[in-house]
Amino acid sequence: MSGVDSPLLLRMRDFADFMIGCVGPILIFLATVLISGIAFIHFTALVPYYSPEISVVYLLHMVWSVWLLFNIGFNYYKVVTTPPGCTADIPQELYSEDLLVQIRTEDAPQRGTGFSRWCKSCKRVKPPRSHHCHICKQCVLRMDHHCPWVGRCVGMHNHKFFFLFMFYLWLACVWVFPLSLYPLYMADITAWWGDEITIQTSMLLAFGLTLSISAALGGLMFWHLYLIGTNQTTIEFYYNNQMKKIYKGRGQVYQNEYDLGWRKNWQMFFGIESASPIWLAWLIPSTSLPHSWGMDGSSFPLRNGEGDSYAHMNNNVDHLV
């Protein structure tokens, strides 16, 4: 029996999946507490320190800070509460009986060269770009990854909120950590809620957390900026890299079929119409989903102007993404 099919390894994987699923609510609570604590220190100590009197500077600082905090809270709530979308949302009647038989009986592609179109666990067709999550126990539409910090998968319907949460949290940390450095160095900050040692300790905590989060989260955020601009998921990135090597060996150049150009990629990701300014998706909180592009997860636009629904696809491994 192969190592992949080993009962011991399967049990270990199931246990790890169970633990990751259990730790999700704990991490969500922890993230909420940490964000709330840093916000409390910022509004009650840092803002009065730099703007001790009501002034234009004070009002601008408050508006900017409230705007950041609101976007963090809104997008975190949305990514935690919005299902990523699953294959159960796609009616099987979309596929002909002959196609269903073909998909159920075809051999799975060789590892690294494509993805199976049939999920043995869900016993359903896996639309293009969907993958089975062993933690969520379902096939997720346009799956990127499972994130314990939001307690669910990041996929087609909540990837936008995940990215915006990262962006605004990173922006807030980049804003707060230099502000907390000067009063920490001068040791002259005061607040109504604690003595000098308590406030200095809190300031040190705020500086350390915001500095470390901005460094760690910055890398992840810019990584997702690249993925969005090229219309890839994390899973597809590794597949596309493998396909580039295969095509290079043939003397050919591989192109990601879903890459419509950075502007259309961004519009599709944020669920805004082509005539709308892209910056609206960043500045104004919105609940819009990719449905605004007429997508339900069963197919996606291709760079050649067609769609990739299995209802009108041949069994071509180069399309199985």
Protein backbone atom coordinates (compact mmCIF):
# COMPACT_ATOMS: atom_id res chain seq x y z
CA MET A 1 0.00 0.00 0.00
CA SER A 2 1.37 3.42 -0.93
CA GLY A 3 2.26 6.01 1.67
CA VAL A 4 -0.53 8.29 0.41
CA ASP A 5 -3.14 5.57 1.09
CA SER A 6 -1.66 4.49 4.42
CA PRO A 7 -4.43 4.26 7.05
CA LEU A 8 -2.06 5.71 9.65
CA LEU A 9 -1.29 8.75 7.52
CA LEU A 10 -4.97 9.22 6.72
CA ARG A 11 -5.85 9.11 10.43
CA MET A 12 -3.07 11.60 11.19
CA ARG A 13 -4.36 13.89 8.46
CA ASP A 14 -7.93 13.61 9.74
CA PHE A 15 -6.76 14.43 13.27
CA ALA A 16 -4.80 17.46 12.03
CA ASP A 17 -7.83 18.62 10.03
CA PHE A 18 -10.02 18.23 13.12
CA MET A 19 -7.62 20.26 15.27
CA ILE A 20 -7.36 23.04 12.67
CA GLY A 21 -11.15 23.17 12.53
CA CYS A 22 -11.38 23.37 16.34
CA VAL A 23 -8.76 26.09 16.69
CA GLY A 24 -10.58 28.38 14.25
CA PRO A 25 -13.02 30.00 16.75
CA ILE A 26 -10.15 30.46 19.22
CA LEU A 27 -8.03 32.29 16.66
CA ILE A 28 -10.98 34.46 15.61
CA PHE A 29 -11.53 35.43 19.24
CA LEU A 30 -7.80 36.09 19.71
CA ALA A 31 -7.61 38.25 16.58
CA THR A 32 -10.64 40.26 17.74
CA VAL A 33 -9.14 40.82 21.19
CA LEU A 34 -5.75 41.89 19.81
CA ILE A 35 -7.24 44.28 17.25
CA SER A 36 -9.59 45.74 19.87
CA GLY A 37 -6.74 46.16 22.36
CA ILE A 38 -4.48 47.98 19.91
CA ALA A 39 -7.40 50.19 18.84
CA PHE A 40 -8.14 51.04 22.49
CA ILE A 41 -4.51 52.05 23.13
CA HIS A 42 -4.44 54.08 19.93
CA PHE A 43 -7.62 56.06 20.57
CA THR A 44 -7.14 56.62 24.31
CA ALA A 45 -3.38 57.21 24.44
CA LEU A 46 -1.76 57.87 21.07
CA VAL A 47 -4.34 60.19 19.52
CA PRO A 48 -4.49 62.46 22.62
CA TYR A 49 -0.68 62.39 22.85
CA TYR A 50 -0.21 63.77 19.34
CA SER A 51 -3.35 65.95 19.39
CA PRO A 52 -4.00 66.98 23.01
CA GLU A 53 -6.60 69.59 22.02
CA ILE A 54 -9.55 69.55 19.65
CA SER A 55 -8.16 70.84 16.38
CA VAL A 56 -8.11 70.15 12.67
CA VAL A 57 -5.19 67.77 13.16
CA TYR A 58 -7.12 65.95 15.90
CA LEU A 59 -10.24 65.63 13.74
CA LEU A 60 -8.25 64.41 10.72
CA HIS A 61 -6.43 61.87 12.88
CA MET A 62 -9.71 60.62 14.32
CA VAL A 63 -11.44 60.36 10.92
CA TRP A 64 -8.48 58.48 9.44
CA SER A 65 -8.26 56.14 12.43
CA VAL A 66 -12.00 55.43 12.54
CA TRP A 67 -12.03 54.78 8.79
CA LEU A 68 -9.21 52.25 9.13
CA LEU A 69 -10.82 50.53 12.11
CA PHE A 70 -14.23 50.37 10.43
CA ASN A 71 -12.79 48.76 7.30
CA ILE A 72 -10.83 46.24 9.38
CA GLY A 73 -13.91 45.28 11.37
CA PHE A 74 -16.26 45.22 8.38
CA ASN A 75 -14.06 43.06 6.18
CA TYR A 76 -13.09 40.69 8.99
CA TYR A 77 -16.75 40.17 9.84
CA LYS A 78 -17.57 39.57 6.19
CA VAL A 79 -14.78 37.07 5.54
CA VAL A 80 -15.66 35.15 8.72
CA THR A 81 -19.40 35.04 7.99
CA THR A 82 -19.44 34.75 4.18
CA PRO A 83 -19.28 31.16 2.85
CA PRO A 84 -16.66 30.82 0.11
CA GLY A 85 -19.11 28.97 -2.14
CA CYS A 86 -19.26 25.23 -2.65
CA THR A 87 -20.12 22.82 -5.46
CA ALA A 88 -23.46 22.06 -3.81
CA ASP A 89 -24.48 25.52 -5.07
CA ILE A 90 -23.99 24.32 -8.67
CA PRO A 91 -26.93 22.25 -9.97
CA GLN A 92 -25.80 18.95 -11.46
CA GLU A 93 -28.48 19.36 -14.13
CA LEU A 94 -26.05 21.80 -15.73
CA TYR A 95 -24.15 18.79 -17.08
CA SER A 96 -25.48 16.26 -19.56
CA GLU A 97 -25.79 12.63 -18.49
CA ASP A 98 -23.11 11.57 -20.96
CA LEU A 99 -20.70 14.17 -19.57
CA LEU A 100 -21.42 13.08 -16.00
CA VAL A 101 -20.61 9.48 -16.90
CA GLN A 102 -17.40 10.57 -18.63
CA ILE A 103 -16.26 12.69 -15.69
CA ARG A 104 -17.05 9.98 -13.13
CA THR A 105 -15.14 7.29 -14.98
CA GLU A 106 -12.13 9.18 -16.35
CA ASP A 107 -8.72 8.65 -14.79
CA ALA A 108 -7.37 11.40 -12.58
CA PRO A 109 -4.61 13.47 -14.24
CA GLN A 110 -1.02 12.85 -13.23
CA ARG A 111 -0.03 14.89 -10.17
CA GLY A 112 1.08 18.38 -11.15
CA THR A 113 -0.49 18.29 -14.62
CA GLY A 114 -4.15 18.91 -13.83
CA PHE A 115 -7.00 18.35 -11.40
CA SER A 116 -9.68 15.70 -11.26
CA ARG A 117 -13.13 16.83 -12.40
CA TRP A 118 -14.93 14.44 -10.03
CA CYS A 119 -14.80 14.61 -6.24
CA LYS A 120 -14.91 11.14 -4.67
CA SER A 121 -15.73 12.61 -1.24
CA CYS A 122 -18.60 14.89 -2.32
CA LYS A 123 -19.59 12.62 -5.21
CA ARG A 124 -20.16 15.65 -7.38
CA VAL A 125 -18.60 17.35 -10.38
CA LYS A 126 -15.84 19.77 -9.41
CA PRO A 127 -16.25 22.88 -11.60
CA PRO A 128 -13.11 24.57 -12.94
CA ARG A 129 -10.91 26.08 -10.19
CA SER A 130 -12.73 24.28 -7.37
CA HIS A 131 -10.97 21.98 -4.90
CA HIS A 132 -11.94 19.74 -2.01
CA CYS A 133 -11.09 20.99 1.49
CA HIS A 134 -10.56 18.15 3.97
CA ILE A 135 -11.15 20.54 6.87
CA CYS A 136 -14.43 22.03 5.62
CA LYS A 137 -15.49 18.65 4.15
CA GLN A 138 -16.67 20.20 0.90
CA CYS A 139 -15.47 21.30 -2.52
CA VAL A 140 -14.86 25.06 -2.51
CA LEU A 141 -15.42 27.25 -5.57
CA ARG A 142 -12.25 29.00 -6.77
CA MET A 143 -10.49 27.83 -3.63
CA ASP A 144 -7.37 29.70 -2.53
CA HIS A 145 -6.61 28.12 0.86
CA HIS A 146 -8.09 27.27 4.25
CA CYS A 147 -7.37 30.00 6.80
CA PRO A 148 -7.66 29.12 10.52
CA TRP A 149 -7.71 32.85 11.41
CA VAL A 150 -11.10 33.20 9.70
CA GLY A 151 -12.30 29.69 10.53
CA ARG A 152 -13.13 28.72 6.96
CA CYS A 153 -11.82 28.48 3.43
CA VAL A 154 -10.98 31.52 1.36
CA GLY A 155 -12.71 31.08 -1.96
CA MET A 156 -14.77 32.72 -4.68
CA HIS A 157 -17.24 34.62 -2.51
CA ASN A 158 -15.06 35.78 0.39
CA HIS A 159 -11.55 36.17 -1.10
CA LYS A 160 -12.24 39.86 -1.67
CA PHE A 161 -13.05 40.43 2.02
CA PHE A 162 -9.99 38.43 3.07
CA PHE A 163 -7.70 40.61 0.97
CA LEU A 164 -9.26 43.90 2.10
CA PHE A 165 -9.03 42.80 5.74
CA MET A 166 -5.31 42.11 5.26
CA PHE A 167 -4.80 45.40 3.44
CA TYR A 168 -6.47 47.61 6.05
CA LEU A 169 -4.94 45.73 8.97
CA TRP A 170 -1.49 46.11 7.40
CA LEU A 171 -2.12 49.81 6.70
CA ALA A 172 -3.24 50.38 10.30
CA CYS A 173 -0.20 48.60 11.71
CA VAL A 174 2.15 50.59 9.47
CA TRP A 175 0.43 53.73 10.81
CA VAL A 176 0.45 52.81 14.50
CA PHE A 177 3.90 51.31 15.08
CA PRO A 178 5.92 54.47 14.24
CA LEU A 179 3.44 56.57 16.24
CA SER A 180 4.00 54.39 19.31
CA LEU A 181 7.80 54.47 19.02
CA TYR A 182 8.38 58.15 19.95
CA PRO A 183 6.30 58.24 23.17
CA LEU A 184 7.76 54.86 24.11
CA TYR A 185 11.26 56.31 23.75
CA MET A 186 10.40 59.56 25.55
CA ALA A 187 8.45 57.74 28.30
CA ASP A 188 6.18 60.76 28.73
CA ILE A 189 2.78 59.45 27.59
CA THR A 190 -0.23 59.38 29.96
CA ALA A 191 -3.77 58.04 29.84
CA TRP A 192 -6.76 57.94 32.17
CA TRP A 193 -6.84 54.18 32.42
CA GLY A 194 -3.45 53.34 33.95
CA ASP A 195 -0.28 54.35 35.74
CA GLU A 196 3.04 55.06 34.03
CA ILE A 197 4.29 51.46 34.07
CA THR A 198 0.99 50.08 32.75
CA ILE A 199 0.86 52.61 29.93
CA GLN A 200 4.51 52.07 28.97
CA THR A 201 3.98 48.30 28.95
CA SER A 202 0.89 48.71 26.80
CA MET A 203 2.78 51.00 24.45
CA LEU A 204 5.58 48.45 24.14
CA LEU A 205 3.00 45.76 23.38
CA ALA A 206 1.34 47.94 20.75
CA PHE A 207 4.69 48.72 19.12
CA GLY A 208 5.82 45.09 19.09
CA LEU A 209 2.54 43.71 17.75
CA THR A 210 2.03 46.30 15.04
CA LEU A 211 5.64 46.06 13.87
CA SER A 212 5.60 42.26 13.67
CA ILE A 213 2.14 42.13 12.08
CA SER A 214 3.00 44.76 9.47
CA ALA A 215 6.15 42.81 8.52
CA ALA A 216 4.50 39.38 8.40
CA LEU A 217 1.18 40.49 6.92
CA GLY A 218 2.89 42.73 4.37
CA GLY A 219 4.48 39.76 2.63
CA LEU A 220 1.17 37.87 2.47
CA MET A 221 -0.74 40.93 1.29
CA PHE A 222 1.67 41.72 -1.55
CA TRP A 223 1.62 38.05 -2.52
CA HIS A 224 -2.16 38.23 -2.92
CA LEU A 225 -1.79 41.50 -4.84
CA TYR A 226 0.25 39.55 -7.37
CA LEU A 227 -2.26 36.69 -7.46
CA ILE A 228 -5.18 39.07 -8.00
CA GLY A 229 -3.37 40.97 -10.74
CA THR A 230 -2.61 37.72 -12.61
CA ASN A 231 -5.97 36.03 -11.84
CA GLN A 232 -4.55 33.07 -9.95
CA THR A 233 -5.21 31.38 -6.65
CA THR A 234 -2.45 30.05 -4.41
CA ILE A 235 -3.22 26.51 -5.61
CA GLU A 236 -3.21 27.56 -9.25
CA PHE A 237 0.10 29.38 -8.88
CA TYR A 238 1.93 26.13 -8.18
CA TYR A 239 0.06 24.37 -10.99
CA ASN A 240 0.84 27.16 -13.46
CA ASN A 241 4.52 27.06 -12.51
CA GLN A 242 4.59 23.32 -13.19
CA MET A 243 2.87 23.83 -16.55
CA LYS A 244 5.41 26.53 -17.49
CA LYS A 245 8.20 23.99 -17.00
CA ILE A 246 6.36 21.38 -19.09
CA TYR A 247 5.69 23.83 -21.91
CA LYS A 248 9.24 25.14 -21.78
CA GLY A 249 10.48 21.59 -22.29
CA ARG A 250 8.34 21.44 -25.43
CA GLY A 251 9.74 24.73 -26.69
CA GLN A 252 6.42 26.47 -26.03
CA VAL A 253 5.24 29.29 -23.77
CA TYR A 254 2.46 28.56 -21.26
CA GLN A 255 -0.13 31.27 -20.53
CA ASN A 256 -2.62 31.33 -17.70
CA GLU A 257 -6.00 31.11 -19.45
CA TYR A 258 -7.76 33.08 -16.72
CA ASP A 259 -5.47 36.10 -16.94
CA LEU A 260 -7.62 38.78 -18.62
CA GLY A 261 -5.19 41.64 -17.99
CA TRP A 262 -4.67 43.35 -14.64
CA ARG A 263 -7.60 45.75 -14.96
CA LYS A 264 -10.23 43.13 -15.78
CA ASN A 265 -8.70 40.77 -13.23
CA TRP A 266 -9.16 43.39 -10.52
CA GLN A 267 -12.69 44.27 -11.61
CA MET A 268 -13.71 40.62 -11.64
CA PHE A 269 -12.09 39.93 -8.27
CA PHE A 270 -13.81 42.85 -6.55
CA GLY A 271 -17.12 42.27 -8.33
CA ILE A 272 -17.40 45.72 -9.90
CA GLU A 273 -18.71 46.56 -13.34
CA SER A 274 -16.26 47.54 -16.06
CA ALA A 275 -17.46 51.16 -16.04
CA SER A 276 -16.92 51.62 -12.29
CA PRO A 277 -13.68 53.09 -10.94
CA ILE A 278 -11.41 50.44 -9.41
CA TRP A 279 -10.63 52.62 -6.39
CA LEU A 280 -14.25 52.32 -5.23
CA ALA A 281 -13.58 48.70 -4.33
CA TRP A 282 -10.85 49.83 -1.93
CA LEU A 283 -12.25 52.95 -0.31
CA ILE A 284 -15.90 52.10 0.16
CA PRO A 285 -16.94 48.90 2.02
CA SER A 286 -19.13 46.81 -0.23
CA THR A 287 -20.86 43.45 -0.06
CA SER A 288 -20.72 42.96 -3.85
CA LEU A 289 -19.65 39.49 -5.01
CA PRO A 290 -18.30 38.22 -8.35
CA HIS A 291 -21.93 37.60 -9.35
CA SER A 292 -21.84 41.07 -10.88
CA TRP A 293 -19.83 39.46 -13.69
CA GLY A 294 -22.49 36.80 -14.19
CA MET A 295 -20.35 34.10 -12.55
CA ASP A 296 -21.84 31.38 -10.39
CA GLY A 297 -18.67 29.31 -10.01
CA SER A 298 -19.49 26.80 -12.75
CA SER A 299 -17.40 28.69 -15.32
CA PHE A 300 -15.02 31.62 -15.64
CA PRO A 301 -14.09 33.92 -18.52
CA LEU A 302 -11.00 32.94 -20.49
CA ARG A 303 -8.47 35.19 -22.18
CA ASN A 304 -9.61 33.90 -25.59
CA GLY A 305 -13.08 35.31 -24.96
CA GLU A 306 -14.76 31.99 -24.17
CA GLY A 307 -15.86 30.34 -20.95
CA ASP A 308 -14.53 27.15 -19.43
CA SER A 309 -17.67 25.44 -18.16
CA TYR A 310 -17.36 21.66 -18.30
CA ALA A 311 -20.69 21.67 -20.12
CA HIS A 312 -18.83 22.66 -23.31
CA MET A 313 -15.27 21.48 -22.63
CA ASN A 314 -13.30 18.59 -24.02
CA ASN A 315 -11.30 16.43 -21.66
CA ASN A 316 -8.11 18.42 -22.19
CA VAL A 317 -5.70 18.31 -19.26
CA ASP A 318 -4.37 21.79 -20.09
CA HIS A 319 -7.80 23.22 -19.21
CA LEU A 320 -8.22 21.45 -15.88
CA VAL A 321 -7.44 24.32 -13.55
